PDB file of N, CA and C in Angstrom:
ATOM      1  N   LEU A   1     -12.983   6.522   5.387  1.00  0.00           N
ATOM      2  CA  LEU A   1     -11.772   6.812   5.346  1.00  0.00           C
ATOM      3  C   LEU A   1     -11.050   6.705   4.193  1.00  0.00           C
ATOM      4  N   SER A   2     -10.770   7.431   3.871  1.00  0.00           N
ATOM      5  CA  SER A   2      -9.875   7.416   2.216  1.00  0.00           C
ATOM      6  C   SER A   2      -8.226   7.721   2.267  1.00  0.00           C
ATOM      7  N   TYR A   3      -7.513   6.822   1.508  1.00  0.00           N
ATOM      8  CA  TYR A   3      -5.938   6.510   2.151  1.00  0.00           C
ATOM      9  C   TYR A   3      -5.250   7.114   0.561  1.00  0.00           C
ATOM     10  N   ARG A   4      -4.805   7.600   0.505  1.00  0.00           N
ATOM     11  CA  ARG A   4      -3.464   8.275  -1.043  1.00  0.00           C
ATOM     12  C   ARG A   4      -2.346   8.316   0.184  1.00  0.00           C
ATOM     13  N   TRP A   5      -1.395   8.255  -1.202  1.00  0.00           N
ATOM     14  CA  TRP A   5       0.494   8.394  -0.776  1.00  0.00           C
ATOM     15  C   TRP A   5       0.620   8.801  -2.047  1.00  0.00           C
ATOM     16  N   LEU A   6       1.773   9.791  -0.815  1.00  0.00           N
ATOM     17  CA  LEU A   6       2.201  10.669  -2.072  1.00  0.00           C
ATOM     18  C   LEU A   6       3.713  10.582  -2.193  1.00  0.00           C
ATOM     19  N   LEU A   7       4.451  11.178  -2.808  1.00  0.00           N
ATOM     20  CA  LEU A   7       5.771  10.881  -3.137  1.00  0.00           C
ATOM     21  C   LEU A   7       6.403  11.900  -2.941  1.00  0.00           C
ATOM     22  N   ASN A   8       7.371  12.395  -1.941  1.00  0.00           N
ATOM     23  CA  ASN A   8       8.836  13.356  -1.678  1.00  0.00           C
ATOM     24  C   ASN A   8       8.011  14.405  -1.576  1.00  0.00           C
ATOM     25  N   GLU A   9       6.719  14.983  -2.037  1.00  0.00           N
ATOM     26  CA  GLU A   9       5.986  15.943  -1.891  1.00  0.00           C
ATOM     27  C   GLU A   9       4.802  16.336  -2.148  1.00  0.00           C
ATOM     28  N   PHE A  10       4.168  17.436  -1.076  1.00  0.00           N
ATOM     29  CA  PHE A  10       2.614  17.313  -1.623  1.00  0.00           C
ATOM     30  C   PHE A  10       2.555  18.478  -2.509  1.00  0.00           C
ATOM     31  N   PRO A  11       1.887  18.288  -3.630  1.00  0.00           N
ATOM     32  CA  PRO A  11       0.590  17.358  -3.696  1.00  0.00           C
ATOM     33  C   PRO A  11       0.718  16.422  -5.111  1.00  0.00           C
ATOM     34  N   VAL A  12       2.188  15.701  -4.592  1.00  0.00           N
ATOM     35  CA  VAL A  12       2.708  14.566  -5.762  1.00  0.00           C
ATOM     36  C   VAL A  12       2.028  12.995  -5.468  1.00  0.00           C
ATOM     37  N   PHE A  13       0.430  13.105  -5.495  1.00  0.00           N
ATOM     38  CA  PHE A  13       0.134  11.955  -5.106  1.00  0.00           C
ATOM     39  C   PHE A  13       0.324  10.910  -6.104  1.00  0.00           C
ATOM     40  N   ILE A  14       0.679   9.596  -5.772  1.00  0.00           N
ATOM     41  CA  ILE A  14       1.015   8.530  -6.356  1.00  0.00           C
ATOM     42  C   ILE A  14      -0.009   7.611  -7.822  1.00  0.00           C
ATOM     43  N   ALA A  15       0.052   7.947  -8.772  1.00  0.00           N
ATOM     44  CA  ALA A  15      -0.606   7.474  -9.529  1.00  0.00           C
ATOM     45  C   ALA A  15      -0.789   5.676  -9.247  1.00  0.00           C
ATOM     46  N   LEU A  16      -1.735   4.913  -9.624  1.00  0.00           N
ATOM     47  CA  LEU A  16      -2.136   4.130  -8.969  1.00  0.00           C
ATOM     48  C   LEU A  16      -2.086   3.087 -10.196  1.00  0.00           C
ATOM     49  N   ASP A  17      -1.584   2.294 -10.999  1.00  0.00           N
ATOM     50  CA  ASP A  17      -1.650   1.470 -12.089  1.00  0.00           C
ATOM     51  C   ASP A  17      -1.729  -0.528 -11.813  1.00  0.00           C
ATOM     52  N   LYS A  18      -0.853  -0.754 -12.712  1.00  0.00           N
ATOM     53  CA  LYS A  18      -0.404  -2.262 -12.682  1.00  0.00           C
ATOM     54  C   LYS A  18       0.523  -2.542 -11.298  1.00  0.00           C
ATOM     55  N   ARG A  19       1.477  -2.132 -11.101  1.00  0.00           N
ATOM     56  CA  ARG A  19       2.097  -2.111 -10.483  1.00  0.00           C
ATOM     57  C   ARG A  19       2.081  -1.256  -8.533  1.00  0.00           C
ATOM     58  N   ARG A  20       0.924  -0.205  -8.799  1.00  0.00           N
ATOM     59  CA  ARG A  20       0.820   0.126  -7.385  1.00  0.00           C
ATOM     60  C   ARG A  20      -0.479   0.411  -6.807  1.00  0.00           C
ATOM     61  N   PHE A  21      -0.532  -0.308  -5.889  1.00  0.00           N
ATOM     62  CA  PHE A  21      -1.975  -0.638  -5.386  1.00  0.00           C
ATOM     63  C   PHE A  21      -2.078  -0.011  -3.936  1.00  0.00           C
ATOM     64  N   VAL A  22      -3.183   0.719  -3.365  1.00  0.00           N
ATOM     65  CA  VAL A  22      -3.476   1.271  -2.264  1.00  0.00           C
ATOM     66  C   VAL A  22      -5.091   0.734  -1.511  1.00  0.00           C
ATOM     67  N   SER A  23      -4.570  -0.092  -0.537  1.00  0.00           N
ATOM     68  CA  SER A  23      -5.211  -1.026  -0.024  1.00  0.00           C
ATOM     69  C   SER A  23      -6.514  -0.221   0.884  1.00  0.00           C
ATOM     70  N   GLN A  24      -7.868   0.341   0.444  1.00  0.00           N
ATOM     71  CA  GLN A  24      -8.863   1.196   1.636  1.00  0.00           C
ATOM     72  C   GLN A  24      -9.547   0.638   2.229  1.00  0.00           C
ATOM     73  N   THR A  25      -8.713  -0.297   2.986  1.00  0.00           N
ATOM     74  CA  THR A  25      -9.241  -1.313   4.345  1.00  0.00           C
ATOM     75  C   THR A  25      -8.018  -0.977   4.852  1.00  0.00           C
ATOM     76  N   ASN A  26      -6.853  -1.092   4.886  1.00  0.00           N
ATOM     77  CA  ASN A  26      -6.047  -0.827   5.807  1.00  0.00           C
ATOM     78  C   ASN A  26      -4.732   0.426   5.534  1.00  0.00           C
ATOM     79  N   GLY A  27      -4.959   0.878   4.332  1.00  0.00           N
ATOM     80  CA  GLY A  27      -4.456   2.479   3.821  1.00  0.00           C
ATOM     81  C   GLY A  27      -2.996   1.888   3.719  1.00  0.00           C
ATOM     82  N   ASN A  28      -2.332   0.422   3.273  1.00  0.00           N
ATOM     83  CA  ASN A  28      -1.170   0.289   2.934  1.00  0.00           C
ATOM     84  C   ASN A  28      -1.053   0.251   1.436  1.00  0.00           C
ATOM     85  N   LEU A  29       0.415   0.779   1.233  1.00  0.00           N
ATOM     86  CA  LEU A  29       0.838   0.503  -0.131  1.00  0.00           C
ATOM     87  C   LEU A  29       1.472  -0.605  -0.716  1.00  0.00           C
ATOM     88  N   TYR A  30       0.747  -0.792  -1.665  1.00  0.00           N
ATOM     89  CA  TYR A  30       1.760  -2.463  -2.484  1.00  0.00           C
ATOM     90  C   TYR A  30       2.515  -1.763  -3.825  1.00  0.00           C
ATOM     91  N   ILE A  31       3.507  -2.293  -3.715  1.00  0.00           N
ATOM     92  CA  ILE A  31       4.208  -1.831  -4.766  1.00  0.00           C
ATOM     93  C   ILE A  31       4.785  -3.442  -5.555  1.00  0.00           C
ATOM     94  N   ALA A  32       4.564  -4.081  -6.831  1.00  0.00           N
ATOM     95  CA  ALA A  32       4.852  -4.805  -7.316  1.00  0.00           C
ATOM     96  C   ALA A  32       6.160  -4.883  -7.772  1.00  0.00           C
ATOM     97  N   ASN A  33       6.957  -5.516  -8.138  1.00  0.00           N
ATOM     98  CA  ASN A  33       8.185  -5.324  -8.856  1.00  0.00           C
ATOM     99  C   ASN A  33       8.308  -3.808  -9.096  1.00  0.00           C
ATOM    100  N   VAL A  34       9.339  -3.454  -7.469  1.00  0.00           N
ATOM    101  CA  VAL A  34      10.121  -2.528  -7.556  1.00  0.00           C
ATOM    102  C   VAL A  34      11.059  -1.827  -8.247  1.00  0.00           C
ATOM    103  N   GLU A  35      10.853  -0.503  -9.046  1.00  0.00           N
ATOM    104  CA  GLU A  35      11.723  -0.208  -9.948  1.00  0.00           C
ATOM    105  C   GLU A  35      12.379   0.790  -9.074  1.00  0.00           C
ATOM    106  N   ALA A  36      13.386   1.682 -10.255  1.00  0.00           N
ATOM    107  CA  ALA A  36      14.670   2.531  -9.795  1.00  0.00           C
ATOM    108  C   ALA A  36      13.811   3.912  -9.569  1.00  0.00           C
ATOM    109  N   SER A  37      12.791   3.833  -9.932  1.00  0.00           N
ATOM    110  CA  SER A  37      12.056   5.437 -10.186  1.00  0.00           C
ATOM    111  C   SER A  37      10.947   5.435  -8.868  1.00  0.00           C
ATOM    112  N   ASP A  38      11.036   3.859  -7.923  1.00  0.00           N
ATOM    113  CA  ASP A  38      10.365   4.160  -6.602  1.00  0.00           C
ATOM    114  C   ASP A  38      10.876   4.410  -5.848  1.00  0.00           C
ATOM    115  N   ARG A  39      12.421   4.942  -6.001  1.00  0.00           N
ATOM    116  CA  ARG A  39      12.718   5.507  -4.935  1.00  0.00           C
ATOM    117  C   ARG A  39      12.192   6.786  -3.992  1.00  0.00           C
ATOM    118  N   GLY A  40      12.598   7.196  -3.090  1.00  0.00           N
ATOM    119  CA  GLY A  40      11.853   8.618  -2.918  1.00  0.00           C
ATOM    120  C   GLY A  40      11.679   7.875  -1.206  1.00  0.00           C
ATOM    121  N   ASN A  41      10.575   9.059  -0.871  1.00  0.00           N
ATOM    122  CA  ASN A  41      10.203   9.324   0.446  1.00  0.00           C
ATOM    123  C   ASN A  41       8.953   9.535   0.141  1.00  0.00           C
ATOM    124  N   TYR A  42       7.925   8.530   1.326  1.00  0.00           N
ATOM    125  CA  TYR A  42       6.203   8.069   1.056  1.00  0.00           C
ATOM    126  C   TYR A  42       5.632   8.754   2.178  1.00  0.00           C
ATOM    127  N   SER A  43       4.554   9.292   2.139  1.00  0.00           N
ATOM    128  CA  SER A  43       3.885   9.209   2.851  1.00  0.00           C
ATOM    129  C   SER A  43       2.779   9.221   2.854  1.00  0.00           C
ATOM    130  N   CYS A  44       1.693   8.505   3.628  1.00  0.00           N
ATOM    131  CA  CYS A  44       0.101   8.399   3.402  1.00  0.00           C
ATOM    132  C   CYS A  44      -0.339   9.484   4.004  1.00  0.00           C
ATOM    133  N   PHE A  45      -1.432   9.919   3.040  1.00  0.00           N
ATOM    134  CA  PHE A  45      -2.932  11.132   3.530  1.00  0.00           C
ATOM    135  C   PHE A  45      -3.759  10.053   3.679  1.00  0.00           C
ATOM    136  N   VAL A  46      -4.309  10.588   4.883  1.00  0.00           N
ATOM    137  CA  VAL A  46      -5.720   9.855   5.185  1.00  0.00           C
ATOM    138  C   VAL A  46      -6.791  10.926   5.471  1.00  0.00           C
ATOM    139  N   SER A  47      -8.036  10.904   4.925  1.00  0.00           N
ATOM    140  CA  SER A  47      -8.991  11.960   4.599  1.00  0.00           C
ATOM    141  C   SER A  47     -10.231  11.236   5.643  1.00  0.00           C
ATOM    142  N   SER A  48     -11.131  11.770   5.840  1.00  0.00           N
ATOM    143  CA  SER A  48     -12.170  11.846   6.389  1.00  0.00           C
ATOM    144  C   SER A  48     -13.096  12.311   5.919  1.00  0.00           C
ATOM    145  N   PRO A  49     -13.878  12.373   4.828  1.00  0.00           N
ATOM    146  CA  PRO A  49     -15.244  13.546   4.399  1.00  0.00           C
ATOM    147  C   PRO A  49     -16.193  13.338   5.167  1.00  0.00           C
ATOM    148  N   SER A  50     -16.501  12.756   6.299  1.00  0.00           N
ATOM    149  CA  SER A  50     -17.760  13.167   7.205  1.00  0.00           C
ATOM    150  C   SER A  50     -17.353  13.889   8.139  1.00  0.00           C
ATOM    151  N   ILE A  51     -15.884  14.087   8.552  1.00  0.00           N
ATOM    152  CA  ILE A  51     -15.491  15.126   9.330  1.00  0.00           C
ATOM    153  C   ILE A  51     -14.716  16.128   9.172  1.00  0.00           C
ATOM    154  N   THR A  52     -14.736  15.675   7.409  1.00  0.00           N
ATOM    155  CA  THR A  52     -13.661  17.334   7.039  1.00  0.00           C
ATOM    156  C   THR A  52     -12.182  17.195   7.573  1.00  0.00           C
ATOM    157  N   LYS A  53     -11.432  16.325   7.724  1.00  0.00           N
ATOM    158  CA  LYS A  53     -10.029  16.305   8.423  1.00  0.00           C
ATOM    159  C   LYS A  53      -9.194  15.182   7.689  1.00  0.00           C
ATOM    160  N   SER A  54      -8.155  15.646   7.404  1.00  0.00           N
ATOM    161  CA  SER A  54      -7.073  14.941   6.969  1.00  0.00           C
ATOM    162  C   SER A  54      -5.733  14.803   7.636  1.00  0.00           C
ATOM    163  N   VAL A  55      -4.894  14.082   7.515  1.00  0.00           N
ATOM    164  CA  VAL A  55      -3.392  13.856   8.531  1.00  0.00           C
ATOM    165  C   VAL A  55      -3.019  13.221   7.188  1.00  0.00           C
ATOM    166  N   PHE A  56      -1.342  13.576   7.371  1.00  0.00           N
ATOM    167  CA  PHE A  56      -0.268  13.194   6.619  1.00  0.00           C
ATOM    168  C   PHE A  56       0.239  12.382   8.139  1.00  0.00           C
ATOM    169  N   SER A  57       1.327  10.924   7.005  1.00  0.00           N
ATOM    170  CA  SER A  57       1.887   9.938   8.143  1.00  0.00           C
ATOM    171  C   SER A  57       3.418  10.997   8.159  1.00  0.00           C
ATOM    172  N   LYS A  58       4.512  10.499   8.644  1.00  0.00           N
ATOM    173  CA  LYS A  58       5.818  10.397   8.312  1.00  0.00           C
ATOM    174  C   LYS A  58       6.405  10.336   7.572  1.00  0.00           C
ATOM    175  N   PHE A  59       7.374  10.545   7.111  1.00  0.00           N
ATOM    176  CA  PHE A  59       7.893  10.259   5.406  1.00  0.00           C
ATOM    177  C   PHE A  59       8.242   8.661   5.761  1.00  0.00           C
ATOM    178  N   ILE A  60       8.369   7.985   4.939  1.00  0.00           N
ATOM    179  CA  ILE A  60       9.105   6.890   4.963  1.00  0.00           C
ATOM    180  C   ILE A  60       9.897   6.664   3.718  1.00  0.00           C
ATOM    181  N   PRO A  61      11.011   6.109   4.031  1.00  0.00           N
ATOM    182  CA  PRO A  61      12.481   6.029   2.836  1.00  0.00           C
ATOM    183  C   PRO A  61      11.622   4.562   2.483  1.00  0.00           C
ATOM    184  N   LEU A  62      12.073   4.887   1.070  1.00  0.00           N
ATOM    185  CA  LEU A  62      11.961   3.481  -0.512  1.00  0.00           C
ATOM    186  C   LEU A  62      13.594   3.848  -0.425  1.00  0.00           C
ATOM    187  N   ILE A  63      14.326   3.048  -0.569  1.00  0.00           N
ATOM    188  CA  ILE A  63      15.445   2.873  -1.518  1.00  0.00           C
ATOM    189  C   ILE A  63      16.057   1.524  -1.892  1.00  0.00           C
ATOM    190  N   PRO A  64      15.382   1.487  -3.269  1.00  0.00           N
ATOM    191  CA  PRO A  64      15.791   0.073  -3.753  1.00  0.00           C
ATOM    192  C   PRO A  64      17.310  -0.285  -3.783  1.00  0.00           C
ATOM    193  N   GLN A  65      17.034  -0.915  -3.650  1.00  0.00           N
ATOM    194  CA  GLN A  65      18.496  -2.114  -3.855  1.00  0.00           C
ATOM    195  C   GLN A  65      18.504  -3.149  -5.219  1.00  0.00           C
ATOM    196  N   SER A  66      19.739  -3.196  -5.719  1.00  0.00           N
ATOM    197  CA  SER A  66      19.670  -3.870  -6.619  1.00  0.00           C
ATOM    198  C   SER A  66      20.931  -5.107  -6.760  1.00  0.00           C
ATOM    199  N   ASP A  67      20.508  -5.831  -6.199  1.00  0.00           N
ATOM    200  CA  ASP A  67      21.247  -7.398  -5.384  1.00  0.00           C
ATOM    201  C   ASP A  67      20.895  -7.824  -6.126  1.00  0.00           C
ATOM    202  N   ARG A  68      20.892  -7.944  -7.797  1.00  0.00           N
ATOM    203  CA  ARG A  68      20.931  -9.272  -8.560  1.00  0.00           C
ATOM    204  C   ARG A  68      21.229 -10.992  -8.146  1.00  0.00           C
ATOM    205  N   ALA A  69      23.202 -10.613  -7.476  1.00  0.00           N
ATOM    206  CA  ALA A  69      23.570 -11.765  -6.905  1.00  0.00           C
ATOM    207  C   ALA A  69      22.701 -13.115  -6.015  1.00  0.00           C
ATOM    208  N   LYS A  70      22.007 -11.939  -5.255  1.00  0.00           N
ATOM    209  CA  LYS A  70      21.039 -13.143  -3.939  1.00  0.00           C
ATOM    210  C   LYS A  70      20.066 -13.603  -4.667  1.00  0.00           C
ATOM    211  N   VAL A  71      20.009 -14.805  -4.358  1.00  0.00           N
ATOM    212  CA  VAL A  71      18.792 -15.800  -4.950  1.00  0.00           C
ATOM    213  C   VAL A  71      17.868 -15.687  -3.333  1.00  0.00           C
ATOM    214  N   TYR A  72      16.125 -15.517  -3.670  1.00  0.00           N
ATOM    215  CA  TYR A  72      15.496 -15.892  -2.827  1.00  0.00           C
ATOM    216  C   TYR A  72      14.782 -16.745  -2.566  1.00  0.00           C
ATOM    217  N   PRO A  73      14.690 -17.931  -2.115  1.00  0.00           N
ATOM    218  CA  PRO A  73      13.263 -19.157  -2.067  1.00  0.00           C
ATOM    219  C   PRO A  73      12.248 -18.324  -2.316  1.00  0.00           C
ATOM    220  N   ALA A  74      11.138 -18.976  -2.924  1.00  0.00           N
ATOM    221  CA  ALA A  74      10.031 -19.022  -2.893  1.00  0.00           C
ATOM    222  C   ALA A  74       9.552 -19.100  -1.238  1.00  0.00           C
ATOM    223  N   ASP A  75       8.558 -17.836  -1.308  1.00  0.00           N
ATOM    224  CA  ASP A  75       8.311 -18.107   0.365  1.00  0.00           C
ATOM    225  C   ASP A  75       6.567 -17.688   0.350  1.00  0.00           C
ATOM    226  N   ILE A  76       5.489 -18.977   0.854  1.00  0.00           N
ATOM    227  CA  ILE A  76       4.386 -18.344   0.511  1.00  0.00           C
ATOM    228  C   ILE A  76       4.212 -18.394   2.015  1.00  0.00           C
ATOM    229  N   LYS A  77       3.409 -17.315   2.763  1.00  0.00           N
ATOM    230  CA  LYS A  77       3.034 -17.515   4.359  1.00  0.00           C
ATOM    231  C   LYS A  77       1.307 -16.662   4.107  1.00  0.00           C
ATOM    232  N   VAL A  78       0.509 -18.183   4.582  1.00  0.00           N
ATOM    233  CA  VAL A  78      -0.856 -17.478   4.426  1.00  0.00           C
ATOM    234  C   VAL A  78      -1.262 -17.360   6.056  1.00  0.00           C
ATOM    235  N   LYS A  79      -1.630 -16.080   6.302  1.00  0.00           N
ATOM    236  CA  LYS A  79      -2.059 -15.766   7.707  1.00  0.00           C
ATOM    237  C   LYS A  79      -3.443 -15.068   7.838  1.00  0.00           C
ATOM    238  N   PHE A  80      -4.858 -15.539   8.286  1.00  0.00           N
ATOM    239  CA  PHE A  80      -5.592 -14.641   7.768  1.00  0.00           C
ATOM    240  C   PHE A  80      -6.363 -14.330   9.447  1.00  0.00           C
ATOM    241  N   LYS A  81      -6.447 -13.475   9.439  1.00  0.00           N
ATOM    242  CA  LYS A  81      -7.319 -13.475  10.831  1.00  0.00           C
ATOM    243  C   LYS A  81      -9.029 -13.752  10.481  1.00  0.00           C
ATOM    244  N   ASP A  82      -9.216 -13.876  12.034  1.00  0.00           N
ATOM    245  CA  ASP A  82     -10.970 -14.668  12.022  1.00  0.00           C
ATOM    246  C   ASP A  82     -11.717 -13.149  11.419  1.00  0.00           C
ATOM    247  N   THR A  83     -12.967 -13.409  10.483  1.00  0.00           N
ATOM    248  CA  THR A  83     -13.199 -12.035   9.917  1.00  0.00           C
ATOM    249  C   THR A  83     -14.699 -12.197  10.196  1.00  0.00           C
ATOM    250  N   TYR A  84     -15.947 -11.152  10.820  1.00  0.00           N
ATOM    251  CA  TYR A  84     -16.877 -12.079  11.334  1.00  0.00           C
ATOM    252  C   TYR A  84     -18.060 -10.590  10.462  1.00  0.00           C
ATOM    253  N   ALA A  85     -18.972 -10.928   9.857  1.00  0.00           N
ATOM    254  CA  ALA A  85     -19.590 -10.150   9.157  1.00  0.00           C
ATOM    255  C   ALA A  85     -21.362 -10.357   9.886  1.00  0.00           C
ATOM    256  N   LEU A  86     -22.284 -10.035   9.669  1.00  0.00           N
ATOM    257  CA  LEU A  86     -23.645  -9.206   9.927  1.00  0.00           C
ATOM    258  C   LEU A  86     -24.772 -10.225   9.072  1.00  0.00           C
ATOM    259  N   LEU A  87     -25.392 -11.352   9.102  1.00  0.00           N
ATOM    260  CA  LEU A  87     -26.233 -11.338   8.216  1.00  0.00           C
ATOM    261  C   LEU A  87     -26.686 -10.522   7.412  1.00  0.00           C
ATOM    262  N   GLY A  88     -26.797 -10.484   6.095  1.00  0.00           N
ATOM    263  CA  GLY A  88     -27.736  -9.760   5.413  1.00  0.00           C
ATOM    264  C   GLY A  88     -26.899  -8.104   4.709  1.00  0.00           C
ATOM    265  N   GLN A  89     -25.438  -8.595   5.388  1.00  0.00           N
ATOM    266  CA  GLN A  89     -24.548  -7.180   5.033  1.00  0.00           C
ATOM    267  C   GLN A  89     -23.246  -7.877   4.476  1.00  0.00           C
ATOM    268  N   ASN A  90     -23.082  -6.667   3.701  1.00  0.00           N
ATOM    269  CA  ASN A  90     -21.677  -6.729   2.452  1.00  0.00           C
ATOM    270  C   ASN A  90     -20.041  -7.023   3.536  1.00  0.00           C
ATOM    271  N   VAL A  91     -19.629  -8.017   2.671  1.00  0.00           N
ATOM    272  CA  VAL A  91     -18.184  -8.119   3.601  1.00  0.00           C
ATOM    273  C   VAL A  91     -17.098  -7.577   2.247  1.00  0.00           C
ATOM    274  N   THR A  92     -15.626  -7.026   2.496  1.00  0.00           N
ATOM    275  CA  THR A  92     -14.728  -7.073   1.815  1.00  0.00           C
ATOM    276  C   THR A  92     -13.737  -8.176   2.186  1.00  0.00           C
ATOM    277  N   LEU A  93     -13.177  -8.966   1.462  1.00  0.00           N
ATOM    278  CA  LEU A  93     -12.117  -9.647   2.284  1.00  0.00           C
ATOM    279  C   LEU A  93     -11.030  -9.150   0.729  1.00  0.00           C
ATOM    280  N   GLU A  94      -9.103  -9.200   1.196  1.00  0.00           N
ATOM    281  CA  GLU A  94      -8.752  -8.498   0.299  1.00  0.00           C
ATOM    282  C   GLU A  94      -7.923  -9.807   0.252  1.00  0.00           C
ATOM    283  N   CYS A  95      -6.927  -9.869  -0.813  1.00  0.00           N
ATOM    284  CA  CYS A  95      -5.693 -11.275  -1.096  1.00  0.00           C
ATOM    285  C   CYS A  95      -4.941 -10.437  -2.057  1.00  0.00           C
ATOM    286  N   PHE A  96      -3.518 -11.181  -1.590  1.00  0.00           N
ATOM    287  CA  PHE A  96      -2.689  -9.484  -2.952  1.00  0.00           C
ATOM    288  C   PHE A  96      -1.688 -11.102  -2.938  1.00  0.00           C
ATOM    289  N   ALA A  97      -1.145 -11.261  -4.341  1.00  0.00           N
ATOM    290  CA  ALA A  97      -0.652 -12.066  -4.669  1.00  0.00           C
ATOM    291  C   ALA A  97       0.058 -11.201  -4.770  1.00  0.00           C
ATOM    292  N   LEU A  98       1.866 -11.027  -4.076  1.00  0.00           N
ATOM    293  CA  LEU A  98       2.989 -10.297  -4.641  1.00  0.00           C
ATOM    294  C   LEU A  98       3.940 -10.916  -5.085  1.00  0.00           C
ATOM    295  N   GLY A  99       4.715 -10.679  -6.024  1.00  0.00           N
ATOM    296  CA  GLY A  99       6.076 -11.174  -6.553  1.00  0.00           C
ATOM    297  C   GLY A  99       6.593 -10.986  -7.922  1.00  0.00           C
ATOM    298  N   LYS A 100       7.234 -11.302  -8.497  1.00  0.00           N
ATOM    299  CA  LYS A 100       7.416 -11.497 -10.188  1.00  0.00           C
ATOM    300  C   LYS A 100       7.996 -12.683 -10.324  1.00  0.00           C
TER     301      LYS A 100
END
């Protein structure tokens, strides 16, 4: 499967950069340091080259908040599920450090 995200309408796909990343493992969109320009409706576009089929998710609204008065304490949670791999095969592990 291949995952891409679009913003507001097709075919406006999100350009990946230092702030935005799409996991090709689970399809999640990660945005570090949300900006006002990130406001909009997001939809995940999943395609399968092997069966030449694509589907869109429902749109998910993102509304950035500018609440500078709130202070959030540092919060680090680590929860990994068990990962199994066959000997001699490749495995991909993903780790994301988010925040500013």
